[in-house]
Amino acid sequence: YDEGDLVGPARWSLAPAEGGQTRVSFHCQERSNRWCMHLGIALTGARGHNQVYQQLLRALKERVEAGPPASS
């Protein structure tokens, strides 16, 4: 992330998993860049941050498992 509420490096990792599946991980080392994020992180800690990413990754999983969009 290079601007916004969070700033810092992030990367995706893809690795083979059992059954021909792929394990996807998102690694990030951001820091808060605004006072509201400082407060949110202070109140919820890593738990709140992880919940946000779990939702994002769940949505990504559903989208990927649905397959590519039908071509028109």
Protein backbone atom coordinates (compact mmCIF):
# COMPACT_ATOMS: atom_id res chain seq x y z
CA TYR A 1 0.00 0.00 0.00
CA ASP A 2 1.52 3.32 -0.94
CA GLU A 3 -1.19 5.71 0.25
CA GLY A 4 -4.44 5.84 2.18
CA ASP A 5 -5.27 4.73 5.71
CA LEU A 6 -2.67 1.95 5.69
CA VAL A 7 0.87 2.14 4.28
CA GLY A 8 3.37 -0.70 3.89
CA PRO A 9 4.41 -3.75 1.87
CA ALA A 10 2.01 -6.56 1.04
CA ARG A 11 2.23 -9.67 -1.14
CA TRP A 12 0.16 -12.64 -2.26
CA SER A 13 1.53 -16.19 -1.95
CA LEU A 14 0.18 -19.11 -3.98
CA ALA A 15 1.11 -22.70 -3.08
CA PRO A 16 -0.15 -26.12 -4.19
CA ALA A 17 -2.47 -27.84 -1.73
CA GLU A 18 -4.00 -31.31 -1.55
CA GLY A 19 -6.50 -32.40 -4.17
CA GLY A 20 -5.14 -30.15 -6.92
CA GLN A 21 -6.19 -27.03 -5.05
CA THR A 22 -4.16 -23.88 -4.47
CA ARG A 23 -3.58 -22.27 -1.08
CA VAL A 24 -3.67 -18.46 -1.26
CA SER A 25 -2.18 -16.30 1.48
CA PHE A 26 -1.94 -12.54 1.82
CA HIS A 27 1.00 -11.20 3.82
CA CYS A 28 1.04 -7.57 4.86
CA GLN A 29 3.15 -5.37 7.11
CA GLU A 30 1.31 -2.10 6.98
CA ARG A 31 1.17 0.70 9.50
CA SER A 32 -1.71 3.05 10.10
CA ASN A 33 -1.37 6.40 8.36
CA ARG A 34 -4.30 8.31 9.89
CA TRP A 35 -5.45 8.97 13.44
CA CYS A 36 -8.73 7.06 12.93
CA MET A 37 -6.75 3.96 11.93
CA HIS A 38 -4.41 4.39 14.91
CA LEU A 39 -7.47 4.43 17.16
CA GLY A 40 -9.13 1.46 15.43
CA ILE A 41 -5.98 -0.64 15.65
CA ALA A 42 -5.50 0.34 19.29
CA LEU A 43 -9.08 -0.72 20.11
CA THR A 44 -9.35 -3.92 18.06
CA GLY A 45 -5.74 -4.93 17.57
CA ALA A 46 -4.84 -7.71 15.16
CA ARG A 47 -8.22 -9.40 15.70
CA GLY A 48 -10.15 -6.62 13.94
CA HIS A 49 -7.59 -6.42 11.18
CA ASN A 50 -7.71 -10.18 10.63
CA GLN A 51 -11.51 -10.19 10.47
CA VAL A 52 -11.43 -7.67 7.63
CA TYR A 53 -8.97 -9.77 5.65
CA GLN A 54 -10.89 -12.99 6.33
CA GLN A 55 -13.95 -11.39 4.72
CA LEU A 56 -11.93 -10.25 1.71
CA LEU A 57 -10.31 -13.65 1.25
CA ARG A 58 -13.67 -15.45 1.64
CA ALA A 59 -15.13 -13.26 -1.12
CA LEU A 60 -12.09 -13.95 -3.31
CA LYS A 61 -12.44 -17.71 -2.72
CA GLU A 62 -16.11 -17.65 -3.72
CA ARG A 63 -15.32 -15.67 -6.86
CA VAL A 64 -12.45 -17.90 -7.93
CA GLU A 65 -14.39 -21.11 -7.26
CA ALA A 66 -17.28 -19.81 -9.36
CA GLY A 67 -15.02 -19.95 -12.42
CA PRO A 68 -14.40 -17.43 -15.15
CA PRO A 69 -17.28 -15.24 -16.33
CA ALA A 70 -19.16 -16.41 -19.41
CA SER A 71 -17.90 -14.70 -22.56
CA SER A 72 -20.43 -12.73 -24.59
